[in-house]
Structure formats: structure tokens, C-alpha cells
PDB file of N, CA and C in Angstrom:
ATOM      1  N   MET A   1      36.688 145.672  29.874  1.00  0.00           N
ATOM      2  CA  MET A   1      35.771 144.723  29.265  1.00  0.00           C
ATOM      3  C   MET A   1      36.375 143.336  29.356  1.00  0.00           C
ATOM      4  N   SER A   2      35.559 142.384  29.765  1.00  0.00           N
ATOM      5  CA  SER A   2      36.014 141.003  29.871  1.00  0.00           C
ATOM      6  C   SER A   2      35.394 140.183  28.752  1.00  0.00           C
ATOM      7  N   LEU A   3      36.035 140.182  27.603  1.00  0.00           N
ATOM      8  CA  LEU A   3      35.521 139.446  26.453  1.00  0.00           C
ATOM      9  C   LEU A   3      36.599 138.467  26.014  1.00  0.00           C
ATOM     10  N   ASP A   4      36.521 137.266  26.559  1.00  0.00           N
ATOM     11  CA  ASP A   4      37.505 136.231  26.264  1.00  0.00           C
ATOM     12  C   ASP A   4      36.838 135.198  25.367  1.00  0.00           C
ATOM     13  N   ILE A   5      37.060 135.334  24.066  1.00  0.00           N
ATOM     14  CA  ILE A   5      36.418 134.446  23.098  1.00  0.00           C
ATOM     15  C   ILE A   5      37.442 133.453  22.579  1.00  0.00           C
ATOM     16  N   ARG A   6      37.014 132.213  22.529  1.00  0.00           N
ATOM     17  CA  ARG A   6      37.866 131.149  21.979  1.00  0.00           C
ATOM     18  C   ARG A   6      37.033 130.349  20.980  1.00  0.00           C
ATOM     19  N   VAL A   7      37.662 130.016  19.873  1.00  0.00           N
ATOM     20  CA  VAL A   7      36.994 129.219  18.852  1.00  0.00           C
ATOM     21  C   VAL A   7      37.631 127.836  18.832  1.00  0.00           C
ATOM     22  N   ASP A   8      36.787 126.820  18.950  1.00  0.00           N
ATOM     23  CA  ASP A   8      37.228 125.433  18.955  1.00  0.00           C
ATOM     24  C   ASP A   8      37.033 124.858  17.555  1.00  0.00           C
ATOM     25  N   ALA A   9      38.137 124.620  16.853  1.00  0.00           N
ATOM     26  CA  ALA A   9      38.070 124.112  15.482  1.00  0.00           C
ATOM     27  C   ALA A   9      37.466 122.717  15.418  1.00  0.00           C
ATOM     28  N   THR A  10      37.461 121.983  16.527  1.00  0.00           N
ATOM     29  CA  THR A  10      36.901 120.628  16.523  1.00  0.00           C
ATOM     30  C   THR A  10      35.410 120.609  16.872  1.00  0.00           C
ATOM     31  N   SER A  11      34.873 121.752  17.245  1.00  0.00           N
ATOM     32  CA  SER A  11      33.457 121.821  17.615  1.00  0.00           C
ATOM     33  C   SER A  11      32.570 121.664  16.387  1.00  0.00           C
ATOM     34  N   PRO A  12      31.420 121.000  16.542  1.00  0.00           N
ATOM     35  CA  PRO A  12      30.490 120.917  15.416  1.00  0.00           C
ATOM     36  C   PRO A  12      29.802 122.263  15.129  1.00  0.00           C
ATOM     37  N   ALA A  13      29.818 123.167  16.102  1.00  0.00           N
ATOM     38  CA  ALA A  13      29.214 124.492  15.906  1.00  0.00           C
ATOM     39  C   ALA A  13      30.125 125.328  15.009  1.00  0.00           C
ATOM     40  N   PRO A  14      29.555 126.015  14.020  1.00  0.00           N
ATOM     41  CA  PRO A  14      30.380 126.852  13.156  1.00  0.00           C
ATOM     42  C   PRO A  14      31.037 127.988  13.957  1.00  0.00           C
ATOM     43  N   PRO A  15      32.168 128.480  13.498  1.00  0.00           N
ATOM     44  CA  PRO A  15      32.881 129.523  14.232  1.00  0.00           C
ATOM     45  C   PRO A  15      32.033 130.766  14.526  1.00  0.00           C
ATOM     46  N   TYR A  16      31.218 131.226  13.564  1.00  0.00           N
ATOM     47  CA  TYR A  16      30.408 132.419  13.817  1.00  0.00           C
ATOM     48  C   TYR A  16      29.448 132.178  14.978  1.00  0.00           C
ATOM     49  N   GLU A  17      28.905 130.949  15.066  1.00  0.00           N
ATOM     50  CA  GLU A  17      27.970 130.615  16.143  1.00  0.00           C
ATOM     51  C   GLU A  17      28.694 130.569  17.489  1.00  0.00           C
ATOM     52  N   GLN A  18      29.922 130.083  17.497  1.00  0.00           N
ATOM     53  CA  GLN A  18      30.704 130.059  18.731  1.00  0.00           C
ATOM     54  C   GLN A  18      30.969 131.487  19.220  1.00  0.00           C
ATOM     55  N   VAL A  19      31.326 132.370  18.296  1.00  0.00           N
ATOM     56  CA  VAL A  19      31.577 133.778  18.649  1.00  0.00           C
ATOM     57  C   VAL A  19      30.296 134.409  19.183  1.00  0.00           C
ATOM     58  N   ARG A  20      29.197 134.229  18.453  1.00  0.00           N
ATOM     59  CA  ARG A  20      27.900 134.798  18.850  1.00  0.00           C
ATOM     60  C   ARG A  20      27.491 134.310  20.230  1.00  0.00           C
ATOM     61  N   ALA A  21      27.571 133.009  20.458  1.00  0.00           N
ATOM     62  CA  ALA A  21      27.146 132.431  21.734  1.00  0.00           C
ATOM     63  C   ALA A  21      28.000 132.934  22.895  1.00  0.00           C
ATOM     64  N   GLN A  22      29.286 133.086  22.668  1.00  0.00           N
ATOM     65  CA  GLN A  22      30.164 133.545  23.746  1.00  0.00           C
ATOM     66  C   GLN A  22      29.936 135.023  24.075  1.00  0.00           C
ATOM     67  N   ILE A  23      29.613 135.822  23.074  1.00  0.00           N
ATOM     68  CA  ILE A  23      29.301 137.232  23.347  1.00  0.00           C
ATOM     69  C   ILE A  23      27.984 137.331  24.103  1.00  0.00           C
ATOM     70  N   ILE A  24      26.992 136.540  23.714  1.00  0.00           N
ATOM     71  CA  ILE A  24      25.717 136.525  24.441  1.00  0.00           C
ATOM     72  C   ILE A  24      25.940 136.114  25.887  1.00  0.00           C
ATOM     73  N   ALA A  25      26.748 135.079  26.104  1.00  0.00           N
ATOM     74  CA  ALA A  25      27.031 134.632  27.471  1.00  0.00           C
ATOM     75  C   ALA A  25      27.693 135.739  28.280  1.00  0.00           C
ATOM     76  N   ALA A  26      28.608 136.483  27.672  1.00  0.00           N
ATOM     77  CA  ALA A  26      29.279 137.584  28.376  1.00  0.00           C
ATOM     78  C   ALA A  26      28.303 138.702  28.713  1.00  0.00           C
ATOM     79  N   ILE A  27      27.342 138.953  27.828  1.00  0.00           N
ATOM     80  CA  ILE A  27      26.323 139.969  28.097  1.00  0.00           C
ATOM     81  C   ILE A  27      25.383 139.477  29.194  1.00  0.00           C
ATOM     82  N   ASP A  28      24.961 138.216  29.096  1.00  0.00           N
ATOM     83  CA  ASP A  28      24.027 137.651  30.073  1.00  0.00           C
ATOM     84  C   ASP A  28      24.609 137.582  31.479  1.00  0.00           C
ATOM     85  N   ASP A  29      25.899 137.292  31.586  1.00  0.00           N
ATOM     86  CA  ASP A  29      26.490 137.224  32.932  1.00  0.00           C
ATOM     87  C   ASP A  29      27.074 138.559  33.390  1.00  0.00           C
ATOM     88  N   ALA A  30      26.804 139.614  32.614  1.00  0.00           N
ATOM     89  CA  ALA A  30      27.196 140.994  32.939  1.00  0.00           C
ATOM     90  C   ALA A  30      28.704 141.208  32.991  1.00  0.00           C
ATOM     91  N   SER A  31      29.487 140.323  32.375  1.00  0.00           N
ATOM     92  CA  SER A  31      30.911 140.613  32.277  1.00  0.00           C
ATOM     93  C   SER A  31      31.155 141.629  31.165  1.00  0.00           C
ATOM     94  N   VAL A  32      30.161 141.805  30.288  1.00  0.00           N
ATOM     95  CA  VAL A  32      30.153 142.873  29.288  1.00  0.00           C
ATOM     96  C   VAL A  32      28.823 143.603  29.478  1.00  0.00           C
ATOM     97  N   VAL A  33      28.891 144.905  29.734  1.00  0.00           N
ATOM     98  CA  VAL A  33      27.690 145.666  30.072  1.00  0.00           C
ATOM     99  C   VAL A  33      27.264 146.593  28.943  1.00  0.00           C
ATOM    100  N   ALA A  34      26.034 147.085  29.048  1.00  0.00           N
ATOM    101  CA  ALA A  34      25.492 148.015  28.059  1.00  0.00           C
ATOM    102  C   ALA A  34      26.445 149.186  27.868  1.00  0.00           C
ATOM    103  N   GLY A  35      26.619 149.557  26.609  1.00  0.00           N
ATOM    104  CA  GLY A  35      27.491 150.667  26.275  1.00  0.00           C
ATOM    105  C   GLY A  35      28.910 150.246  25.947  1.00  0.00           C
ATOM    106  N   THR A  36      29.245 148.990  26.226  1.00  0.00           N
ATOM    107  CA  THR A  36      30.589 148.493  25.927  1.00  0.00           C
ATOM    108  C   THR A  36      30.751 148.363  24.419  1.00  0.00           C
ATOM    109  N   ARG A  37      31.854 148.870  23.923  1.00  0.00           N
ATOM    110  CA  ARG A  37      32.151 148.769  22.491  1.00  0.00           C
ATOM    111  C   ARG A  37      32.872 147.453  22.237  1.00  0.00           C
ATOM    112  N   LEU A  38      32.337 146.656  21.313  1.00  0.00           N
ATOM    113  CA  LEU A  38      32.990 145.402  20.943  1.00  0.00           C
ATOM    114  C   LEU A  38      34.176 145.705  20.030  1.00  0.00           C
ATOM    115  N   PRO A  39      35.141 144.787  19.975  1.00  0.00           N
ATOM    116  CA  PRO A  39      36.275 145.005  19.076  1.00  0.00           C
ATOM    117  C   PRO A  39      35.788 145.113  17.630  1.00  0.00           C
ATOM    118  N   PRO A  40      36.478 145.896  16.814  1.00  0.00           N
ATOM    119  CA  PRO A  40      36.110 145.951  15.397  1.00  0.00           C
ATOM    120  C   PRO A  40      36.162 144.547  14.789  1.00  0.00           C
ATOM    121  N   VAL A  41      35.350 144.322  13.790  1.00  0.00           N
ATOM    122  CA  VAL A  41      35.245 143.013  13.147  1.00  0.00           C
ATOM    123  C   VAL A  41      36.613 142.499  12.723  1.00  0.00           C
ATOM    124  N   ARG A  42      37.369 143.325  12.037  1.00  0.00           N
ATOM    125  CA  ARG A  42      38.674 142.864  11.521  1.00  0.00           C
ATOM    126  C   ARG A  42      39.650 142.555  12.645  1.00  0.00           C
ATOM    127  N   THR A  43      39.590 143.340  13.704  1.00  0.00           N
ATOM    128  CA  THR A  43      40.485 143.107  14.842  1.00  0.00           C
ATOM    129  C   THR A  43      40.169 141.771  15.505  1.00  0.00           C
ATOM    130  N   LEU A  44      38.883 141.542  15.800  1.00  0.00           N
ATOM    131  CA  LEU A  44      38.498 140.290  16.445  1.00  0.00           C
ATOM    132  C   LEU A  44      38.787 139.102  15.532  1.00  0.00           C
ATOM    133  N   ALA A  45      38.510 139.263  14.240  1.00  0.00           N
ATOM    134  CA  ALA A  45      38.783 138.181  13.293  1.00  0.00           C
ATOM    135  C   ALA A  45      40.269 137.837  13.290  1.00  0.00           C
ATOM    136  N   ALA A  46      41.121 138.844  13.267  1.00  0.00           N
ATOM    137  CA  ALA A  46      42.564 138.598  13.275  1.00  0.00           C
ATOM    138  C   ALA A  46      42.995 137.926  14.580  1.00  0.00           C
ATOM    139  N   ASP A  47      42.449 138.411  15.701  1.00  0.00           N
ATOM    140  CA  ASP A  47      42.794 137.828  17.001  1.00  0.00           C
ATOM    141  C   ASP A  47      42.407 136.349  17.092  1.00  0.00           C
ATOM    142  N   LEU A  48      41.283 135.991  16.449  1.00  0.00           N
ATOM    143  CA  LEU A  48      40.770 134.625  16.523  1.00  0.00           C
ATOM    144  C   LEU A  48      41.237 133.740  15.364  1.00  0.00           C
ATOM    145  N   GLY A  49      41.912 134.355  14.392  1.00  0.00           N
ATOM    146  CA  GLY A  49      42.345 133.594  13.224  1.00  0.00           C
ATOM    147  C   GLY A  49      41.195 133.209  12.318  1.00  0.00           C
ATOM    148  N   LEU A  50      40.190 134.085  12.240  1.00  0.00           N
ATOM    149  CA  LEU A  50      39.002 133.836  11.424  1.00  0.00           C
ATOM    150  C   LEU A  50      38.922 134.848  10.288  1.00  0.00           C
ATOM    151  N   ALA A  51      38.096 134.542   9.314  1.00  0.00           N
ATOM    152  CA  ALA A  51      37.815 135.507   8.253  1.00  0.00           C
ATOM    153  C   ALA A  51      36.940 136.617   8.821  1.00  0.00           C
ATOM    154  N   ALA A  52      37.128 137.825   8.321  1.00  0.00           N
ATOM    155  CA  ALA A  52      36.329 138.959   8.793  1.00  0.00           C
ATOM    156  C   ALA A  52      34.837 138.703   8.584  1.00  0.00           C
ATOM    157  N   ASN A  53      34.469 138.024   7.496  1.00  0.00           N
ATOM    158  CA  ASN A  53      33.054 137.743   7.233  1.00  0.00           C
ATOM    159  C   ASN A  53      32.445 136.850   8.307  1.00  0.00           C
ATOM    160  N   THR A  54      33.241 135.996   8.916  1.00  0.00           N
ATOM    161  CA  THR A  54      32.751 135.109   9.973  1.00  0.00           C
ATOM    162  C   THR A  54      32.343 135.931  11.193  1.00  0.00           C
ATOM    163  N   VAL A  55      33.208 136.849  11.608  1.00  0.00           N
ATOM    164  CA  VAL A  55      32.896 137.709  12.755  1.00  0.00           C
ATOM    165  C   VAL A  55      31.767 138.665  12.388  1.00  0.00           C
ATOM    166  N   ALA A  56      31.767 139.174  11.167  1.00  0.00           N
ATOM    167  CA  ALA A  56      30.700 140.082  10.731  1.00  0.00           C
ATOM    168  C   ALA A  56      29.344 139.381  10.811  1.00  0.00           C
ATOM    169  N   ARG A  57      29.289 138.110  10.465  1.00  0.00           N
ATOM    170  CA  ARG A  57      28.023 137.362  10.552  1.00  0.00           C
ATOM    171  C   ARG A  57      27.577 137.238  12.007  1.00  0.00           C
ATOM    172  N   ALA A  58      28.521 136.949  12.895  1.00  0.00           N
ATOM    173  CA  ALA A  58      28.180 136.855  14.325  1.00  0.00           C
ATOM    174  C   ALA A  58      27.629 138.186  14.815  1.00  0.00           C
ATOM    175  N   TYR A  59      28.278 139.295  14.467  1.00  0.00           N
ATOM    176  CA  TYR A  59      27.825 140.623  14.889  1.00  0.00           C
ATOM    177  C   TYR A  59      26.448 140.931  14.304  1.00  0.00           C
ATOM    178  N   LYS A  60      26.238 140.557  13.032  1.00  0.00           N
ATOM    179  CA  LYS A  60      24.943 140.817  12.387  1.00  0.00           C
ATOM    180  C   LYS A  60      23.827 140.070  13.119  1.00  0.00           C
ATOM    181  N   GLU A  61      24.078 138.817  13.466  1.00  0.00           N
ATOM    182  CA  GLU A  61      23.060 138.045  14.179  1.00  0.00           C
ATOM    183  C   GLU A  61      22.828 138.593  15.584  1.00  0.00           C
ATOM    184  N   LEU A  62      23.878 139.067  16.222  1.00  0.00           N
ATOM    185  CA  LEU A  62      23.721 139.698  17.541  1.00  0.00           C
ATOM    186  C   LEU A  62      22.874 140.961  17.432  1.00  0.00           C
ATOM    187  N   GLU A  63      23.076 141.704  16.362  1.00  0.00           N
ATOM    188  CA  GLU A  63      22.287 142.924  16.170  1.00  0.00           C
ATOM    189  C   GLU A  63      20.829 142.586  15.881  1.00  0.00           C
ATOM    190  N   GLU A  64      20.596 141.602  15.036  1.00  0.00           N
ATOM    191  CA  GLU A  64      19.225 141.190  14.725  1.00  0.00           C
ATOM    192  C   GLU A  64      18.490 140.702  15.968  1.00  0.00           C
ATOM    193  N   ALA A  65      19.217 140.094  16.887  1.00  0.00           N
ATOM    194  CA  ALA A  65      18.618 139.593  18.121  1.00  0.00           C
ATOM    195  C   ALA A  65      18.529 140.665  19.204  1.00  0.00           C
ATOM    196  N   GLY A  66      19.059 141.858  18.928  1.00  0.00           N
ATOM    197  CA  GLY A  66      18.924 142.967  19.863  1.00  0.00           C
ATOM    198  C   GLY A  66      19.985 143.053  20.943  1.00  0.00           C
ATOM    199  N   TYR A  67      21.043 142.274  20.834  1.00  0.00           N
ATOM    200  CA  TYR A  67      22.098 142.321  21.851  1.00  0.00           C
ATOM    201  C   TYR A  67      23.049 143.493  21.655  1.00  0.00           C
ATOM    202  N   VAL A  68      23.257 143.882  20.400  1.00  0.00           N
ATOM    203  CA  VAL A  68      24.185 144.963  20.097  1.00  0.00           C
ATOM    204  C   VAL A  68      23.560 145.879  19.057  1.00  0.00           C
ATOM    205  N   GLU A  69      24.164 147.040  18.889  1.00  0.00           N
ATOM    206  CA  GLU A  69      23.770 147.906  17.786  1.00  0.00           C
ATOM    207  C   GLU A  69      25.032 148.441  17.137  1.00  0.00           C
ATOM    208  N   THR A  70      24.973 148.588  15.822  1.00  0.00           N
ATOM    209  CA  THR A  70      26.107 149.100  15.077  1.00  0.00           C
ATOM    210  C   THR A  70      25.898 150.589  14.861  1.00  0.00           C
ATOM    211  N   ARG A  71      26.917 151.353  15.200  1.00  0.00           N
ATOM    212  CA  ARG A  71      26.843 152.813  15.109  1.00  0.00           C
ATOM    213  C   ARG A  71      27.841 153.350  14.096  1.00  0.00           C
ATOM    214  N   GLY A  72      27.886 152.737  12.941  1.00  0.00           N
ATOM    215  CA  GLY A  72      28.786 153.194  11.883  1.00  0.00           C
ATOM    216  C   GLY A  72      30.229 153.211  12.337  1.00  0.00           C
ATOM    217  N   ARG A  73      30.874 154.345  12.174  1.00  0.00           N
ATOM    218  CA  ARG A  73      32.283 154.465  12.550  1.00  0.00           C
ATOM    219  C   ARG A  73      32.504 154.363  14.055  1.00  0.00           C
ATOM    220  N   ALA A  74      31.450 154.531  14.837  1.00  0.00           N
ATOM    221  CA  ALA A  74      31.573 154.417  16.295  1.00  0.00           C
ATOM    222  C   ALA A  74      31.645 152.956  16.733  1.00  0.00           C
ATOM    223  N   GLY A  75      31.394 152.036  15.808  1.00  0.00           N
ATOM    224  CA  GLY A  75      31.555 150.617  16.112  1.00  0.00           C
ATOM    225  C   GLY A  75      30.287 149.928  16.567  1.00  0.00           C
ATOM    226  N   THR A  76      30.474 148.743  17.076  1.00  0.00           N
ATOM    227  CA  THR A  76      29.377 147.905  17.563  1.00  0.00           C
ATOM    228  C   THR A  76      29.361 147.965  19.079  1.00  0.00           C
ATOM    229  N   VAL A  77      28.202 148.307  19.636  1.00  0.00           N
ATOM    230  CA  VAL A  77      28.068 148.572  21.063  1.00  0.00           C
ATOM    231  C   VAL A  77      26.992 147.669  21.659  1.00  0.00           C
ATOM    232  N   VAL A  78      27.257 147.169  22.861  1.00  0.00           N
ATOM    233  CA  VAL A  78      26.289 146.338  23.572  1.00  0.00           C
ATOM    234  C   VAL A  78      25.088 147.204  23.961  1.00  0.00           C
ATOM    235  N   ARG A  79      23.899 146.704  23.680  1.00  0.00           N
ATOM    236  CA  ARG A  79      22.667 147.420  24.019  1.00  0.00           C
ATOM    237  C   ARG A  79      22.260 147.118  25.451  1.00  0.00           C
ATOM    238  N   GLY A  80      21.437 148.009  25.988  1.00  0.00           N
ATOM    239  CA  GLY A  80      20.849 147.776  27.307  1.00  0.00           C
ATOM    240  C   GLY A  80      19.807 146.686  27.220  1.00  0.00           C
ATOM    241  N   ARG A  81      19.435 146.156  28.338  1.00  0.00           N
ATOM    242  CA  ARG A  81      18.420 145.098  28.387  1.00  0.00           C
ATOM    243  C   ARG A  81      17.054 145.675  28.020  1.00  0.00           C
ATOM    244  N   ASP A  82      16.357 144.980  27.152  1.00  0.00           N
ATOM    245  CA  ASP A  82      14.997 145.360  26.782  1.00  0.00           C
ATOM    246  C   ASP A  82      14.014 144.628  27.682  1.00  0.00           C
ATOM    247  N   SER A  83      12.814 145.130  27.723  1.00  0.00           N
ATOM    248  CA  SER A  83      11.760 144.433  28.449  1.00  0.00           C
ATOM    249  C   SER A  83      11.435 143.134  27.730  1.00  0.00           C
ATOM    250  N   ALA A  84      10.765 142.238  28.428  1.00  0.00           N
ATOM    251  CA  ALA A  84      10.365 140.970  27.820  1.00  0.00           C
ATOM    252  C   ALA A  84       9.473 141.217  26.612  1.00  0.00           C
ATOM    253  N   ALA A  85       8.595 142.212  26.707  1.00  0.00           N
ATOM    254  CA  ALA A  85       7.696 142.508  25.585  1.00  0.00           C
ATOM    255  C   ALA A  85       8.482 142.989  24.365  1.00  0.00           C
ATOM    256  N   ALA A  86       9.486 143.812  24.579  1.00  0.00           N
ATOM    257  CA  ALA A  86      10.300 144.302  23.469  1.00  0.00           C
ATOM    258  C   ALA A  86      11.089 143.153  22.840  1.00  0.00           C
ATOM    259  N   GLN A  87      11.612 142.266  23.672  1.00  0.00           N
ATOM    260  CA  GLN A  87      12.349 141.111  23.152  1.00  0.00           C
ATOM    261  C   GLN A  87      11.415 140.199  22.363  1.00  0.00           C
ATOM    262  N   ALA A  88      10.200 139.992  22.868  1.00  0.00           N
ATOM    263  CA  ALA A  88       9.231 139.143  22.171  1.00  0.00           C
ATOM    264  C   ALA A  88       8.827 139.768  20.834  1.00  0.00           C
ATOM    265  N   ALA A  89       8.645 141.077  20.811  1.00  0.00           N
ATOM    266  CA  ALA A  89       8.289 141.759  19.563  1.00  0.00           C
ATOM    267  C   ALA A  89       9.408 141.616  18.536  1.00  0.00           C
ATOM    268  N   ARG A  90      10.643 141.741  18.981  1.00  0.00           N
ATOM    269  CA  ARG A  90      11.791 141.593  18.080  1.00  0.00           C
ATOM    270  C   ARG A  90      11.842 140.155  17.549  1.00  0.00           C
ATOM    271  N   ALA A  91      11.629 139.172  18.430  1.00  0.00           N
ATOM    272  CA  ALA A  91      11.627 137.775  18.003  1.00  0.00           C
ATOM    273  C   ALA A  91      10.499 137.515  17.009  1.00  0.00           C
ATOM    274  N   ALA A  92       9.347 138.141  17.229  1.00  0.00           N
ATOM    275  CA  ALA A  92       8.214 137.978  16.317  1.00  0.00           C
ATOM    276  C   ALA A  92       8.545 138.546  14.937  1.00  0.00           C
ATOM    277  N   ARG A  93       9.222 139.695  14.914  1.00  0.00           N
ATOM    278  CA  ARG A  93       9.615 140.284  13.621  1.00  0.00           C
ATOM    279  C   ARG A  93      10.585 139.364  12.885  1.00  0.00           C
ATOM    280  N   ILE A  94      11.529 138.805  13.611  1.00  0.00           N
ATOM    281  CA  ILE A  94      12.493 137.896  12.992  1.00  0.00           C
ATOM    282  C   ILE A  94      11.777 136.655  12.460  1.00  0.00           C
ATOM    283  N   TYR A  95      10.849 136.117  13.257  1.00  0.00           N
ATOM    284  CA  TYR A  95      10.079 134.953  12.829  1.00  0.00           C
ATOM    285  C   TYR A  95       9.260 135.278  11.575  1.00  0.00           C
ATOM    286  N   ALA A  96       8.594 136.419  11.587  1.00  0.00           N
ATOM    287  CA  ALA A  96       7.777 136.811  10.440  1.00  0.00           C
ATOM    288  C   ALA A  96       8.638 136.941   9.182  1.00  0.00           C
ATOM    289  N   ASP A  97       9.792 137.560   9.308  1.00  0.00           N
ATOM    290  CA  ASP A  97      10.692 137.693   8.163  1.00  0.00           C
ATOM    291  C   ASP A  97      11.141 136.321   7.659  1.00  0.00           C
ATOM    292  N   THR A  98      11.423 135.426   8.590  1.00  0.00           N
ATOM    293  CA  THR A  98      11.892 134.089   8.229  1.00  0.00           C
ATOM    294  C   THR A  98      10.814 133.303   7.495  1.00  0.00           C
ATOM    295  N   VAL A  99       9.588 133.292   8.025  1.00  0.00           N
ATOM    296  CA  VAL A  99       8.536 132.501   7.367  1.00  0.00           C
ATOM    297  C   VAL A  99       8.164 133.110   6.014  1.00  0.00           C
ATOM    298  N   ARG A 100       8.217 134.437   5.891  1.00  0.00           N
ATOM    299  CA  ARG A 100       7.971 135.056   4.582  1.00  0.00           C
ATOM    300  C   ARG A 100       9.025 134.585   3.576  1.00  0.00           C
ATOM    301  N   ARG A 101      10.296 134.620   4.001  1.00  0.00           N
ATOM    302  CA  ARG A 101      11.391 134.214   3.138  1.00  0.00           C
ATOM    303  C   ARG A 101      11.251 132.743   2.729  1.00  0.00           C
ATOM    304  N   LEU A 102      10.723 131.909   3.633  1.00  0.00           N
ATOM    305  CA  LEU A 102      10.534 130.487   3.344  1.00  0.00           C
ATOM    306  C   LEU A 102       9.271 130.200   2.536  1.00  0.00           C
ATOM    307  N   GLY A 103       8.419 131.206   2.388  1.00  0.00           N
ATOM    308  CA  GLY A 103       7.192 131.026   1.634  1.00  0.00           C
ATOM    309  C   GLY A 103       6.069 130.363   2.409  1.00  0.00           C
ATOM    310  N   VAL A 104       6.152 130.402   3.739  1.00  0.00           N
ATOM    311  CA  VAL A 104       5.105 129.816   4.575  1.00  0.00           C
ATOM    312  C   VAL A 104       3.912 130.781   4.613  1.00  0.00           C
ATOM    313  N   ALA A 105       2.725 130.247   4.408  1.00  0.00           N
ATOM    314  CA  ALA A 105       1.510 131.068   4.440  1.00  0.00           C
ATOM    315  C   ALA A 105       1.287 131.604   5.857  1.00  0.00           C
ATOM    316  N   PRO A 106       0.780 132.842   5.978  1.00  0.00           N
ATOM    317  CA  PRO A 106       0.549 133.417   7.311  1.00  0.00           C
ATOM    318  C   PRO A 106      -0.298 132.542   8.226  1.00  0.00           C
ATOM    319  N   VAL A 107      -1.343 131.925   7.705  1.00  0.00           N
ATOM    320  CA  VAL A 107      -2.193 131.079   8.544  1.00  0.00           C
ATOM    321  C   VAL A 107      -1.396 129.884   9.074  1.00  0.00           C
ATOM    322  N   ASP A 108      -0.509 129.330   8.246  1.00  0.00           N
ATOM    323  CA  ASP A 108       0.323 128.208   8.688  1.00  0.00           C
ATOM    324  C   ASP A 108       1.372 128.673   9.695  1.00  0.00           C
ATOM    325  N   ALA A 109       1.914 129.858   9.483  1.00  0.00           N
ATOM    326  CA  ALA A 109       2.905 130.404  10.416  1.00  0.00           C
ATOM    327  C   ALA A 109       2.280 130.611  11.793  1.00  0.00           C
ATOM    328  N   LEU A 110       1.054 131.120  11.835  1.00  0.00           N
ATOM    329  CA  LEU A 110       0.364 131.314  13.115  1.00  0.00           C
ATOM    330  C   LEU A 110       0.079 129.975  13.792  1.00  0.00           C
ATOM    331  N   GLU A 111      -0.282 128.969  13.005  1.00  0.00           N
ATOM    332  CA  GLU A 111      -0.540 127.646  13.568  1.00  0.00           C
ATOM    333  C   GLU A 111       0.740 127.058  14.171  1.00  0.00           C
ATOM    334  N   LEU A 112       1.869 127.315  13.541  1.00  0.00           N
ATOM    335  CA  LEU A 112       3.149 126.851  14.078  1.00  0.00           C
ATOM    336  C   LEU A 112       3.439 127.511  15.432  1.00  0.00           C
ATOM    337  N   VAL A 113       3.116 128.784  15.549  1.00  0.00           N
ATOM    338  CA  VAL A 113       3.318 129.489  16.822  1.00  0.00           C
ATOM    339  C   VAL A 113       2.391 128.919  17.883  1.00  0.00           C
ATOM    340  N   ARG A 114       1.130 128.736  17.532  1.00  0.00           N
ATOM    341  CA  ARG A 114       0.176 128.164  18.495  1.00  0.00           C
ATOM    342  C   ARG A 114       0.644 126.794  18.982  1.00  0.00           C
ATOM    343  N   ALA A 115       1.135 125.992  18.071  1.00  0.00           N
ATOM    344  CA  ALA A 115       1.606 124.661  18.447  1.00  0.00           C
ATOM    345  C   ALA A 115       2.837 124.770  19.367  1.00  0.00           C
ATOM    346  N   ALA A 116       3.731 125.694  19.050  1.00  0.00           N
ATOM    347  CA  ALA A 116       4.926 125.870  19.859  1.00  0.00           C
ATOM    348  C   ALA A 116       4.584 126.359  21.276  1.00  0.00           C
ATOM    349  N   LEU A 117       3.541 127.161  21.376  1.00  0.00           N
ATOM    350  CA  LEU A 117       3.104 127.665  22.668  1.00  0.00           C
ATOM    351  C   LEU A 117       2.205 126.683  23.412  1.00  0.00           C
ATOM    352  N   GLY A 118       1.809 125.625  22.720  1.00  0.00           N
ATOM    353  CA  GLY A 118       0.943 124.642  23.343  1.00  0.00           C
ATOM    354  C   GLY A 118      -0.503 125.107  23.389  1.00  0.00           C
ATOM    355  N   ASP A 119      -0.878 126.052  22.508  1.00  0.00           N
ATOM    356  CA  ASP A 119      -2.228 126.619  22.490  1.00  0.00           C
ATOM    357  C   ASP A 119      -3.076 126.044  21.370  1.00  0.00           C
ATOM    358  N   ARG A 120      -2.981 124.794  21.132  1.00  0.00           N
ATOM    359  CA  ARG A 120      -3.726 124.206  20.008  1.00  0.00           C
ATOM    360  C   ARG A 120      -5.168 124.084  20.299  1.00  0.00           C
TER     361      ARG A 120
END
């Protein structure tokens, strides 16, 4: 597995976002393939000099976005590529959860999507 993650303390991006983005880049360029087990949270955190919660947040966001899945004691594993429709459905679920949490009315949430798609 080629997972070379570096955290830049001077970057404006928070450390969890740097970790998340670098893992996504490794998956996208196929240097990390489906079925690859990522390092345990505590191991990666220690290697990077970060708090375990920082790496755990990156892994959680990767899982929510469908890049990895957590298999309990078996660890966190890179998922296979989903179809565009499956990725869009997952993004829609995340969006729906977010607007509900923010208290945005469904009609307003749909209007925001239409505007973003240019379908006004």
C-alpha cells in the first residue's frame, strides 16, 4: 500500500481535512485500491503526531462519502468504486441530513439544488 500522508501545520486546512484529502487522492489515483486496509486510527495518529480523534474524524468523513467502510475489529477498508448513480444517491442522503440538521425547509432545500444545477 502506498499511503504517504503528511500534515502541514502551516496549512489553513485543518489536519483532519488534510488527512481525508490525501487518502481520497491516493484512492483516486489508484495507489490505494479497493480492499486495502487503512492503518488503525491510533497508529496513523501516532505516526502523524495527531490526536486519535483527528484521524477518526477523517475516517468518519471518508466513510460517509463512501470511500471506505469500517468493519469493526477488521479495521477500515477502502471500498470499490460505486457507479455515478450510487455516488449521487449517497451525496443526496448527506445533503438531506445536512439541511434537516440546519432546519432548512424541504422546499427551500430543493430550490437550492435546482439553483446549483442551473435548473431554475
